[in-house]
Structures are given as structure tokens and as C-alpha cells.
Amino acid sequence: MIERQPAPDFTRPFLVSLAPLVFIALVFVWMVWGLLAAMGVTYASDKAISRLSRR
């Protein structure tokens, strides 16, 4: 019977590669949230300026 070697432990490399992925995901969420906030403020200020200019 052939003796098999145990599988290598890739826990540490997995965690090391997971950290940048989590960082990138959080930066992406931050970017999307900021973009939506900027678009909302821009839309609201446009509507306010348009309403004031009609007076």
C-alpha cells in the first residue's frame, strides 16, 4: 500500500492573502458610500438652486 503524505497546512497563507482582500472590499464599500452621498448632495443642491432661481 502507498503511504500518502499529509496535506500541507495553508491556513497562514490563506489568512495573509485574505487580509488585503478584506481591505480592498472595505475600501470599495467606502468608495461606493461616498459616491452615493456626493451624488445625493449634488442632486439636493441642484434642486434647491433651481427652486431659488424660479422665484
Protein backbone atom coordinates (compact mmCIF):
# COMPACT_ATOMS: atom_id res chain seq x y z
CA MET A 1 0.00 0.00 0.00
CA ILE A 2 1.24 3.50 -0.85
CA GLU A 3 1.77 5.82 2.09
CA ARG A 4 0.49 9.32 1.46
CA GLN A 5 1.99 12.42 2.96
CA PRO A 6 -0.38 14.70 4.88
CA ALA A 7 -1.63 17.76 3.08
CA PRO A 8 0.29 20.95 3.79
CA ASP A 9 -1.24 23.46 6.17
CA PHE A 10 -2.21 26.51 4.13
CA THR A 11 -4.03 28.32 6.95
CA ARG A 12 -1.46 31.08 7.42
CA PRO A 13 -1.04 31.85 3.67
CA PHE A 14 -4.82 31.92 3.33
CA LEU A 15 -5.17 34.41 6.16
CA VAL A 16 -2.34 36.54 4.81
CA SER A 17 -3.96 36.68 1.37
CA LEU A 18 -7.41 37.27 2.89
CA ALA A 19 -6.33 40.45 4.71
CA PRO A 20 -5.70 42.51 1.53
CA LEU A 21 -8.94 41.23 0.00
CA VAL A 22 -10.93 42.34 3.04
CA PHE A 23 -9.14 45.69 2.95
CA ILE A 24 -9.98 46.15 -0.74
CA ALA A 25 -13.61 45.18 -0.11
CA LEU A 26 -13.93 47.71 2.72
CA VAL A 27 -12.35 50.46 0.61
CA PHE A 28 -14.78 49.61 -2.20
CA VAL A 29 -17.77 49.88 0.17
CA TRP A 30 -16.39 53.18 1.48
CA MET A 31 -15.98 54.47 -2.09
CA VAL A 32 -19.50 53.48 -3.13
CA TRP A 33 -20.98 55.00 0.04
CA GLY A 34 -19.07 58.24 -0.54
CA LEU A 35 -20.06 58.38 -4.20
CA LEU A 36 -23.74 57.91 -3.35
CA ALA A 37 -23.52 60.58 -0.65
CA ALA A 38 -21.85 63.01 -3.06
CA MET A 39 -24.49 62.32 -5.71
CA GLY A 40 -27.26 62.89 -3.16
CA VAL A 41 -25.81 66.19 -2.00
CA THR A 42 -25.30 67.29 -5.60
CA TYR A 43 -28.88 66.40 -6.54
CA ALA A 44 -30.32 68.15 -3.48
CA SER A 45 -28.28 71.30 -4.03
CA ASP A 46 -29.26 71.35 -7.73
CA LYS A 47 -32.93 71.12 -6.81
CA ALA A 48 -32.54 73.84 -4.17
CA ILE A 49 -30.72 76.20 -6.55
CA SER A 50 -33.31 75.55 -9.27
CA ARG A 51 -36.14 76.27 -6.85
CA LEU A 52 -34.49 79.51 -5.70
CA SER A 53 -33.85 80.67 -9.26
CA ARG A 54 -37.54 80.34 -10.16
CA ARG A 55 -38.50 82.94 -7.55
